């Protein structure tokens, strides 16, 4: 039986690990300052009421898109000021992706956590640059990786100077256009000594299945989130949008913002039951 307790660290005032649950939530991509502020305020209010730590998430660029014509976001130059404004007004730490090593330094000047996208989780130069930024790093486990394959990823980060890291499960490829979740991966990765996050919305993706964009089975969001918390995780990652059908990215997978509170209320009950 895997019994190792993962380490813990703090992102600003938000603890990660140590028996609590942190929620990473926000829109897939930055669409406007107003929308980001609205999502961040509402998500933070829910998390405060339920006793969860909260990190705001939004991407300034979505470099991995199914189609060349898909909207990618405002880009680095326009996106970072929006993230900085959310961080200042809402008071929540901010997490965002980087796709290139040269993005690590400017993004670290604004964001509290650098995220490594799943398809890039083995890119040594990107991991090294993120580690050297001095900020905590969240690594999405690639869809083609087994949980034990994250050990070398951990080694790359630690040997490059990163001590505060988070591993995120987001499903594994199963044939064509399908992801499945092996919930054994959560205790396996937690046994490596670092907090583990479960990505609710990306685990429901059906990559490239919707005619030039990704589909999803959003109706299973609650099932997957409840299962992950029952198994044991330190954080949940949830992309949420006021009107997912009009979202620039991952419209089929994002959770309607109106459904965030009911889902987290269920999660809170399960977390209370299984917390050590």
C-alpha atoms as a PDB file:
ATOM      1  CA  UNK A   1       0.000   0.000   0.000  1.00  0.00           C
ATOM      2  CA  UNK A   2       1.280   3.475  -0.910  1.00  0.00           C
ATOM      3  CA  UNK A   3       1.401   5.534   2.278  1.00  0.00           C
ATOM      4  CA  UNK A   4       3.946   8.295   1.622  1.00  0.00           C
ATOM      5  CA  UNK A   5       2.678  11.762   2.547  1.00  0.00           C
ATOM      6  CA  UNK A   6       3.490  14.383  -0.061  1.00  0.00           C
ATOM      7  CA  UNK A   7       5.398  17.504   0.871  1.00  0.00           C
ATOM      8  CA  UNK A   8       3.699  20.864   1.122  1.00  0.00           C
ATOM      9  CA  UNK A   9       4.494  24.488   0.319  1.00  0.00           C
ATOM     10  CA  UNK A  10       2.802  27.863   0.173  1.00  0.00           C
ATOM     11  CA  UNK A  11       1.943  30.047  -2.788  1.00  0.00           C
ATOM     12  CA  UNK A  12       1.567  33.407  -1.151  1.00  0.00           C
ATOM     13  CA  UNK A  13      -0.968  32.807   1.611  1.00  0.00           C
ATOM     14  CA  UNK A  14      -2.336  29.658  -0.050  1.00  0.00           C
ATOM     15  CA  UNK A  15      -1.061  26.310   1.281  1.00  0.00           C
ATOM     16  CA  UNK A  16      -0.643  23.430  -1.157  1.00  0.00           C
ATOM     17  CA  UNK A  17      -0.668  19.963   0.391  1.00  0.00           C
ATOM     18  CA  UNK A  18      -0.581  19.324   4.141  1.00  0.00           C
ATOM     19  CA  UNK A  19      -4.055  17.757   4.177  1.00  0.00           C
ATOM     20  CA  UNK A  20      -5.985  20.643   2.624  1.00  0.00           C
ATOM     21  CA  UNK A  21      -7.421  21.136  -0.836  1.00  0.00           C
ATOM     22  CA  UNK A  22      -6.489  23.922  -3.234  1.00  0.00           C
ATOM     23  CA  UNK A  23      -8.679  24.840  -6.193  1.00  0.00           C
ATOM     24  CA  UNK A  24      -7.061  26.138  -9.380  1.00  0.00           C
ATOM     25  CA  UNK A  25      -9.864  27.670 -11.431  1.00  0.00           C
ATOM     26  CA  UNK A  26     -10.401  30.166 -14.209  1.00  0.00           C
ATOM     27  CA  UNK A  27     -11.084  30.386 -17.926  1.00  0.00           C
ATOM     28  CA  UNK A  28      -9.015  28.400 -20.381  1.00  0.00           C
ATOM     29  CA  UNK A  29      -7.688  31.521 -22.073  1.00  0.00           C
ATOM     30  CA  UNK A  30      -7.722  35.237 -21.272  1.00  0.00           C
ATOM     31  CA  UNK A  31     -10.565  36.844 -23.215  1.00  0.00           C
ATOM     32  CA  UNK A  32     -10.885  40.157 -21.365  1.00  0.00           C
ATOM     33  CA  UNK A  33      -9.971  41.701 -18.039  1.00  0.00           C
ATOM     34  CA  UNK A  34     -13.628  42.031 -17.098  1.00  0.00           C
ATOM     35  CA  UNK A  35     -14.363  38.354 -17.680  1.00  0.00           C
ATOM     36  CA  UNK A  36     -11.256  37.229 -15.783  1.00  0.00           C
ATOM     37  CA  UNK A  37     -12.115  39.452 -12.820  1.00  0.00           C
ATOM     38  CA  UNK A  38     -15.678  38.160 -12.720  1.00  0.00           C
ATOM     39  CA  UNK A  39     -14.596  34.525 -12.726  1.00  0.00           C
ATOM     40  CA  UNK A  40     -11.831  35.113 -10.186  1.00  0.00           C
ATOM     41  CA  UNK A  41     -14.057  36.969  -7.703  1.00  0.00           C
ATOM     42  CA  UNK A  42     -16.811  34.355  -7.867  1.00  0.00           C
ATOM     43  CA  UNK A  43     -14.467  31.364  -7.654  1.00  0.00           C
ATOM     44  CA  UNK A  44     -12.540  32.872  -4.761  1.00  0.00           C
ATOM     45  CA  UNK A  45     -15.735  33.625  -2.835  1.00  0.00           C
ATOM     46  CA  UNK A  46     -16.882  30.008  -3.169  1.00  0.00           C
ATOM     47  CA  UNK A  47     -13.494  28.654  -2.125  1.00  0.00           C
ATOM     48  CA  UNK A  48     -13.328  30.914   0.912  1.00  0.00           C
ATOM     49  CA  UNK A  49     -16.760  29.806   2.073  1.00  0.00           C
ATOM     50  CA  UNK A  50     -15.819  26.142   1.715  1.00  0.00           C
ATOM     51  CA  UNK A  51     -12.355  26.446   3.255  1.00  0.00           C
ATOM     52  CA  UNK A  52     -10.355  25.793   0.076  1.00  0.00           C
ATOM     53  CA  UNK A  53      -7.273  27.647  -1.042  1.00  0.00           C
ATOM     54  CA  UNK A  54      -7.719  29.373  -4.409  1.00  0.00           C
ATOM     55  CA  UNK A  55      -5.435  30.091  -7.377  1.00  0.00           C
ATOM     56  CA  UNK A  56      -6.652  31.924 -10.468  1.00  0.00           C
ATOM     57  CA  UNK A  57      -5.750  30.303 -13.802  1.00  0.00           C
ATOM     58  CA  UNK A  58      -5.893  31.690 -17.325  1.00  0.00           C
ATOM     59  CA  UNK A  59      -3.587  31.344 -20.335  1.00  0.00           C
ATOM     60  CA  UNK A  60      -2.230  34.269 -22.321  1.00  0.00           C
ATOM     61  CA  UNK A  61      -1.625  31.921 -25.243  1.00  0.00           C
ATOM     62  CA  UNK A  62      -2.862  28.486 -26.243  1.00  0.00           C
ATOM     63  CA  UNK A  63      -0.054  27.290 -28.476  1.00  0.00           C
ATOM     64  CA  UNK A  64      -1.381  23.747 -28.827  1.00  0.00           C
ATOM     65  CA  UNK A  65      -4.561  24.207 -30.866  1.00  0.00           C
ATOM     66  CA  UNK A  66      -6.194  21.668 -33.157  1.00  0.00           C
ATOM     67  CA  UNK A  67      -6.634  24.127 -36.021  1.00  0.00           C
ATOM     68  CA  UNK A  68      -4.518  27.004 -37.306  1.00  0.00           C
ATOM     69  CA  UNK A  69      -7.660  29.125 -37.277  1.00  0.00           C
ATOM     70  CA  UNK A  70      -8.418  28.559 -33.572  1.00  0.00           C
ATOM     71  CA  UNK A  71      -8.166  31.597 -31.286  1.00  0.00           C
ATOM     72  CA  UNK A  72      -5.061  31.516 -29.130  1.00  0.00           C
ATOM     73  CA  UNK A  73      -5.463  34.413 -26.709  1.00  0.00           C
ATOM     74  CA  UNK A  74      -4.024  37.933 -26.394  1.00  0.00           C
ATOM     75  CA  UNK A  75      -0.377  36.837 -26.261  1.00  0.00           C
ATOM     76  CA  UNK A  76       2.387  37.512 -23.763  1.00  0.00           C
ATOM     77  CA  UNK A  77       2.622  41.288 -24.075  1.00  0.00           C
ATOM     78  CA  UNK A  78      -1.106  41.952 -23.728  1.00  0.00           C
ATOM     79  CA  UNK A  79      -1.897  39.030 -21.445  1.00  0.00           C
ATOM     80  CA  UNK A  80       0.537  39.598 -18.589  1.00  0.00           C
ATOM     81  CA  UNK A  81      -0.920  42.997 -17.573  1.00  0.00           C
ATOM     82  CA  UNK A  82      -4.350  41.367 -17.326  1.00  0.00           C
ATOM     83  CA  UNK A  83      -3.008  38.629 -15.061  1.00  0.00           C
ATOM     84  CA  UNK A  84      -1.260  41.273 -12.962  1.00  0.00           C
ATOM     85  CA  UNK A  85      -4.510  43.230 -12.649  1.00  0.00           C
ATOM     86  CA  UNK A  86      -6.428  40.139 -11.527  1.00  0.00           C
ATOM     87  CA  UNK A  87      -3.741  39.335  -8.975  1.00  0.00           C
ATOM     88  CA  UNK A  88      -3.829  42.867  -7.558  1.00  0.00           C
ATOM     89  CA  UNK A  89      -7.601  43.379  -7.459  1.00  0.00           C
ATOM     90  CA  UNK A  90      -8.695  39.892  -6.368  1.00  0.00           C
ATOM     91  CA  UNK A  91      -5.722  39.164  -4.155  1.00  0.00           C
ATOM     92  CA  UNK A  92      -5.427  35.576  -5.362  1.00  0.00           C
ATOM     93  CA  UNK A  93      -2.197  34.011  -6.615  1.00  0.00           C
ATOM     94  CA  UNK A  94      -2.087  33.558 -10.394  1.00  0.00           C
ATOM     95  CA  UNK A  95      -1.073  30.513 -12.453  1.00  0.00           C
ATOM     96  CA  UNK A  96      -0.439  30.505 -16.203  1.00  0.00           C
ATOM     97  CA  UNK A  97       1.249  28.369 -18.870  1.00  0.00           C
ATOM     98  CA  UNK A  98       4.567  28.904 -20.557  1.00  0.00           C
ATOM     99  CA  UNK A  99       5.432  27.268 -23.867  1.00  0.00           C
ATOM    100  CA  UNK A 100       8.995  28.477 -24.520  1.00  0.00           C
ATOM    101  CA  UNK A 101      12.045  28.732 -22.222  1.00  0.00           C
ATOM    102  CA  UNK A 102      12.386  32.470 -22.921  1.00  0.00           C
ATOM    103  CA  UNK A 103       8.890  33.061 -21.537  1.00  0.00           C
ATOM    104  CA  UNK A 104       9.807  31.864 -18.043  1.00  0.00           C
ATOM    105  CA  UNK A 105      11.499  35.039 -16.817  1.00  0.00           C
ATOM    106  CA  UNK A 106       8.894  37.620 -17.933  1.00  0.00           C
ATOM    107  CA  UNK A 107       6.000  35.427 -16.823  1.00  0.00           C
ATOM    108  CA  UNK A 108       7.612  34.818 -13.420  1.00  0.00           C
ATOM    109  CA  UNK A 109       7.653  38.582 -12.885  1.00  0.00           C
ATOM    110  CA  UNK A 110       3.835  38.500 -12.826  1.00  0.00           C
ATOM    111  CA  UNK A 111       2.591  34.969 -12.121  1.00  0.00           C
ATOM    112  CA  UNK A 112       2.937  33.090  -8.845  1.00  0.00           C
ATOM    113  CA  UNK A 113       3.058  29.649 -10.487  1.00  0.00           C
ATOM    114  CA  UNK A 114       4.423  28.595 -13.881  1.00  0.00           C
ATOM    115  CA  UNK A 115       2.574  25.743 -15.551  1.00  0.00           C
ATOM    116  CA  UNK A 116       4.104  23.297 -18.011  1.00  0.00           C
ATOM    117  CA  UNK A 117       1.541  22.068 -20.575  1.00  0.00           C
ATOM    118  CA  UNK A 118       1.072  18.315 -20.874  1.00  0.00           C
ATOM    119  CA  UNK A 119       2.531  17.918 -24.356  1.00  0.00           C
ATOM    120  CA  UNK A 120       5.661  19.787 -23.193  1.00  0.00           C
ATOM    121  CA  UNK A 121       6.191  18.018 -19.877  1.00  0.00           C
ATOM    122  CA  UNK A 122       9.348  16.246 -21.055  1.00  0.00           C
ATOM    123  CA  UNK A 123      10.936  19.339 -22.649  1.00  0.00           C
ATOM    124  CA  UNK A 124      14.148  19.691 -20.672  1.00  0.00           C
ATOM    125  CA  UNK A 125      14.945  23.296 -21.610  1.00  0.00           C
ATOM    126  CA  UNK A 126      11.444  24.428 -20.675  1.00  0.00           C
ATOM    127  CA  UNK A 127      11.534  22.620 -17.318  1.00  0.00           C
ATOM    128  CA  UNK A 128      14.977  24.010 -16.506  1.00  0.00           C
ATOM    129  CA  UNK A 129      13.918  27.559 -17.369  1.00  0.00           C
ATOM    130  CA  UNK A 130      10.785  27.253 -15.231  1.00  0.00           C
ATOM    131  CA  UNK A 131      12.785  25.883 -12.306  1.00  0.00           C
ATOM    132  CA  UNK A 132      15.361  28.670 -12.529  1.00  0.00           C
ATOM    133  CA  UNK A 133      12.619  31.306 -12.391  1.00  0.00           C
ATOM    134  CA  UNK A 134      12.373  30.733  -8.657  1.00  0.00           C
ATOM    135  CA  UNK A 135       8.601  30.227  -8.806  1.00  0.00           C
ATOM    136  CA  UNK A 136       6.627  27.066  -7.987  1.00  0.00           C
ATOM    137  CA  UNK A 137       5.974  24.896 -11.036  1.00  0.00           C
ATOM    138  CA  UNK A 138       2.890  22.872 -11.933  1.00  0.00           C
ATOM    139  CA  UNK A 139       3.590  20.115 -14.449  1.00  0.00           C
ATOM    140  CA  UNK A 140       0.731  18.542 -16.381  1.00  0.00           C
ATOM    141  CA  UNK A 141       1.502  14.849 -16.893  1.00  0.00           C
ATOM    142  CA  UNK A 142       1.487  14.171 -20.619  1.00  0.00           C
ATOM    143  CA  UNK A 143      -1.294  12.072 -22.116  1.00  0.00           C
ATOM    144  CA  UNK A 144       1.314   9.520 -23.190  1.00  0.00           C
ATOM    145  CA  UNK A 145       3.095   9.209 -19.831  1.00  0.00           C
ATOM    146  CA  UNK A 146       2.692   6.655 -17.080  1.00  0.00           C
ATOM    147  CA  UNK A 147       2.647   8.082 -13.539  1.00  0.00           C
ATOM    148  CA  UNK A 148       6.088   6.654 -12.769  1.00  0.00           C
ATOM    149  CA  UNK A 149       7.434   8.472 -15.834  1.00  0.00           C
ATOM    150  CA  UNK A 150       7.095  11.708 -13.872  1.00  0.00           C
ATOM    151  CA  UNK A 151      10.104  10.799 -11.740  1.00  0.00           C
ATOM    152  CA  UNK A 152      12.628  12.108 -14.304  1.00  0.00           C
ATOM    153  CA  UNK A 153      10.515  15.256 -14.660  1.00  0.00           C
ATOM    154  CA  UNK A 154      10.755  15.793 -10.904  1.00  0.00           C
ATOM    155  CA  UNK A 155      14.509  15.222 -11.047  1.00  0.00           C
ATOM    156  CA  UNK A 156      14.935  17.794 -13.831  1.00  0.00           C
ATOM    157  CA  UNK A 157      13.082  20.420 -11.806  1.00  0.00           C
ATOM    158  CA  UNK A 158      14.769  19.726  -8.476  1.00  0.00           C
ATOM    159  CA  UNK A 159      18.242  19.558  -9.974  1.00  0.00           C
ATOM    160  CA  UNK A 160      17.564  22.893 -11.676  1.00  0.00           C
ATOM    161  CA  UNK A 161      16.602  24.597  -8.430  1.00  0.00           C
ATOM    162  CA  UNK A 162      12.843  24.075  -8.030  1.00  0.00           C
ATOM    163  CA  UNK A 163      11.762  22.696  -4.674  1.00  0.00           C
ATOM    164  CA  UNK A 164       8.070  23.645  -4.822  1.00  0.00           C
ATOM    165  CA  UNK A 165       6.336  21.617  -7.511  1.00  0.00           C
ATOM    166  CA  UNK A 166       2.956  20.143  -8.241  1.00  0.00           C
ATOM    167  CA  UNK A 167       2.155  17.162 -10.488  1.00  0.00           C
ATOM    168  CA  UNK A 168      -1.151  17.186 -12.358  1.00  0.00           C
ATOM    169  CA  UNK A 169      -3.053  14.202 -13.725  1.00  0.00           C
ATOM    170  CA  UNK A 170      -5.128  15.024 -16.817  1.00  0.00           C
ATOM    171  CA  UNK A 171      -5.983  11.669 -18.325  1.00  0.00           C
ATOM    172  CA  UNK A 172      -4.129   9.307 -20.630  1.00  0.00           C
ATOM    173  CA  UNK A 173      -4.699   8.555 -24.307  1.00  0.00           C
ATOM    174  CA  UNK A 174      -6.926   5.576 -24.993  1.00  0.00           C
ATOM    175  CA  UNK A 175      -7.159   4.878 -28.708  1.00  0.00           C
ATOM    176  CA  UNK A 176      -8.250   7.763 -30.908  1.00  0.00           C
ATOM    177  CA  UNK A 177      -9.793  11.018 -29.586  1.00  0.00           C
ATOM    178  CA  UNK A 178     -10.305   9.590 -26.119  1.00  0.00           C
ATOM    179  CA  UNK A 179      -8.778  10.090 -22.687  1.00  0.00           C
ATOM    180  CA  UNK A 180      -9.322   7.907 -19.644  1.00  0.00           C
ATOM    181  CA  UNK A 181      -8.247   8.370 -16.048  1.00  0.00           C
ATOM    182  CA  UNK A 182      -6.381   5.679 -14.149  1.00  0.00           C
ATOM    183  CA  UNK A 183      -6.990   6.821 -10.582  1.00  0.00           C
ATOM    184  CA  UNK A 184      -4.077   4.710  -9.391  1.00  0.00           C
ATOM    185  CA  UNK A 185      -1.847   7.435 -10.815  1.00  0.00           C
ATOM    186  CA  UNK A 186      -2.847   9.819  -8.012  1.00  0.00           C
ATOM    187  CA  UNK A 187      -1.428   7.795  -5.076  1.00  0.00           C
ATOM    188  CA  UNK A 188       1.496   6.664  -7.223  1.00  0.00           C
ATOM    189  CA  UNK A 189       2.559  10.241  -7.990  1.00  0.00           C
ATOM    190  CA  UNK A 190       1.841  11.401  -4.429  1.00  0.00           C
ATOM    191  CA  UNK A 191       4.233   8.715  -3.196  1.00  0.00           C
ATOM    192  CA  UNK A 192       7.060  10.600  -4.916  1.00  0.00           C
ATOM    193  CA  UNK A 193       6.883  13.235  -2.192  1.00  0.00           C
ATOM    194  CA  UNK A 194       5.145  16.136  -3.932  1.00  0.00           C
ATOM    195  CA  UNK A 195       1.541  17.382  -3.966  1.00  0.00           C
ATOM    196  CA  UNK A 196      -0.708  16.103  -6.736  1.00  0.00           C
ATOM    197  CA  UNK A 197      -3.489  17.874  -8.612  1.00  0.00           C
ATOM    198  CA  UNK A 198      -6.341  16.410 -10.641  1.00  0.00           C
ATOM    199  CA  UNK A 199      -7.355  18.276 -13.800  1.00  0.00           C
ATOM    200  CA  UNK A 200     -11.105  17.776 -13.956  1.00  0.00           C
ATOM    201  CA  UNK A 201     -11.939  19.476 -17.229  1.00  0.00           C
ATOM    202  CA  UNK A 202      -9.030  18.369 -19.424  1.00  0.00           C
ATOM    203  CA  UNK A 203      -9.543  14.776 -18.324  1.00  0.00           C
ATOM    204  CA  UNK A 204     -12.909  14.905 -20.081  1.00  0.00           C
ATOM    205  CA  UNK A 205     -11.447  16.104 -23.384  1.00  0.00           C
ATOM    206  CA  UNK A 206     -11.886  14.272 -26.666  1.00  0.00           C
ATOM    207  CA  UNK A 207      -8.877  15.727 -28.484  1.00  0.00           C
ATOM    208  CA  UNK A 208      -9.510  16.829 -32.057  1.00  0.00           C
ATOM    209  CA  UNK A 209     -12.851  15.045 -32.181  1.00  0.00           C
ATOM    210  CA  UNK A 210     -15.159  17.960 -33.016  1.00  0.00           C
ATOM    211  CA  UNK A 211     -14.213  18.910 -36.552  1.00  0.00           C
ATOM    212  CA  UNK A 212     -11.122  21.055 -36.105  1.00  0.00           C
ATOM    213  CA  UNK A 213     -11.460  21.416 -32.355  1.00  0.00           C
ATOM    214  CA  UNK A 214     -11.585  19.226 -29.261  1.00  0.00           C
ATOM    215  CA  UNK A 215     -14.813  17.821 -27.916  1.00  0.00           C
ATOM    216  CA  UNK A 216     -15.498  16.705 -24.358  1.00  0.00           C
ATOM    217  CA  UNK A 217     -17.838  14.720 -22.139  1.00  0.00           C
ATOM    218  CA  UNK A 218     -18.588  17.525 -19.681  1.00  0.00           C
ATOM    219  CA  UNK A 219     -21.441  15.590 -18.089  1.00  0.00           C
ATOM    220  CA  UNK A 220     -18.840  13.523 -16.231  1.00  0.00           C
ATOM    221  CA  UNK A 221     -17.131  16.483 -14.497  1.00  0.00           C
ATOM    222  CA  UNK A 222     -18.748  15.763 -11.155  1.00  0.00           C
ATOM    223  CA  UNK A 223     -18.048  12.048 -11.336  1.00  0.00           C
ATOM    224  CA  UNK A 224     -14.345  12.566 -11.984  1.00  0.00           C
ATOM    225  CA  UNK A 225     -13.890  15.338  -9.424  1.00  0.00           C
ATOM    226  CA  UNK A 226     -15.624  13.366  -6.675  1.00  0.00           C
ATOM    227  CA  UNK A 227     -13.613  10.247  -7.485  1.00  0.00           C
ATOM    228  CA  UNK A 228     -10.304  12.106  -7.422  1.00  0.00           C
ATOM    229  CA  UNK A 229     -10.983  13.699  -4.047  1.00  0.00           C
ATOM    230  CA  UNK A 230     -12.111  10.364  -2.646  1.00  0.00           C
ATOM    231  CA  UNK A 231      -8.864   8.759  -3.815  1.00  0.00           C
ATOM    232  CA  UNK A 232      -6.823  11.652  -2.401  1.00  0.00           C
ATOM    233  CA  UNK A 233      -5.444  14.766  -4.063  1.00  0.00           C
ATOM    234  CA  UNK A 234      -4.008  18.066  -2.912  1.00  0.00           C
ATOM    235  CA  UNK A 235      -5.583  20.264  -5.593  1.00  0.00           C
ATOM    236  CA  UNK A 236      -8.271  20.339  -8.254  1.00  0.00           C
ATOM    237  CA  UNK A 237      -7.820  22.103 -11.591  1.00  0.00           C
ATOM    238  CA  UNK A 238     -11.084  23.309 -13.142  1.00  0.00           C
ATOM    239  CA  UNK A 239     -11.447  25.505 -16.191  1.00  0.00           C
ATOM    240  CA  UNK A 240     -14.671  27.470 -15.839  1.00  0.00           C
ATOM    241  CA  UNK A 241     -16.401  30.107 -17.957  1.00  0.00           C
ATOM    242  CA  UNK A 242     -19.604  32.163 -17.627  1.00  0.00           C
ATOM    243  CA  UNK A 243     -20.754  30.982 -21.079  1.00  0.00           C
ATOM    244  CA  UNK A 244     -18.672  27.973 -22.198  1.00  0.00           C
ATOM    245  CA  UNK A 245     -20.440  27.738 -25.559  1.00  0.00           C
ATOM    246  CA  UNK A 246     -18.884  31.076 -26.545  1.00  0.00           C
ATOM    247  CA  UNK A 247     -15.429  30.455 -25.032  1.00  0.00           C
ATOM    248  CA  UNK A 248     -12.397  30.999 -27.224  1.00  0.00           C
ATOM    249  CA  UNK A 249     -10.887  27.652 -26.252  1.00  0.00           C
ATOM    250  CA  UNK A 250     -12.118  24.310 -24.872  1.00  0.00           C
ATOM    251  CA  UNK A 251     -15.739  25.377 -25.092  1.00  0.00           C
ATOM    252  CA  UNK A 252     -16.903  21.754 -24.830  1.00  0.00           C
ATOM    253  CA  UNK A 253     -14.909  21.009 -21.686  1.00  0.00           C
ATOM    254  CA  UNK A 254     -15.114  24.131 -19.533  1.00  0.00           C
ATOM    255  CA  UNK A 255     -17.472  23.978 -16.588  1.00  0.00           C
ATOM    256  CA  UNK A 256     -20.232  26.606 -16.568  1.00  0.00           C
ATOM    257  CA  UNK A 257     -19.371  29.066 -13.806  1.00  0.00           C
ATOM    258  CA  UNK A 258     -22.864  28.606 -12.355  1.00  0.00           C
ATOM    259  CA  UNK A 259     -22.029  24.936 -11.690  1.00  0.00           C
ATOM    260  CA  UNK A 260     -18.785  25.578  -9.813  1.00  0.00           C
ATOM    261  CA  UNK A 261     -20.355  26.073  -6.378  1.00  0.00           C
ATOM    262  CA  UNK A 262     -22.532  22.906  -6.441  1.00  0.00           C
ATOM    263  CA  UNK A 263     -19.561  20.826  -7.556  1.00  0.00           C
ATOM    264  CA  UNK A 264     -17.234  22.219  -4.885  1.00  0.00           C
ATOM    265  CA  UNK A 265     -19.879  21.741  -2.204  1.00  0.00           C
ATOM    266  CA  UNK A 266     -19.951  18.040  -3.060  1.00  0.00           C
ATOM    267  CA  UNK A 267     -16.157  17.964  -3.105  1.00  0.00           C
ATOM    268  CA  UNK A 268     -16.025  19.607   0.326  1.00  0.00           C
ATOM    269  CA  UNK A 269     -18.182  16.874   1.835  1.00  0.00           C
ATOM    270  CA  UNK A 270     -15.976  14.152   0.386  1.00  0.00           C
ATOM    271  CA  UNK A 271     -12.779  15.954   1.403  1.00  0.00           C
ATOM    272  CA  UNK A 272     -14.035  16.213   4.973  1.00  0.00           C
ATOM    273  CA  UNK A 273     -14.704  12.480   5.024  1.00  0.00           C
ATOM    274  CA  UNK A 274     -11.330  11.364   3.692  1.00  0.00           C
ATOM    275  CA  UNK A 275      -8.999  14.002   5.162  1.00  0.00           C
ATOM    276  CA  UNK A 276      -6.426  12.343   7.419  1.00  0.00           C
END
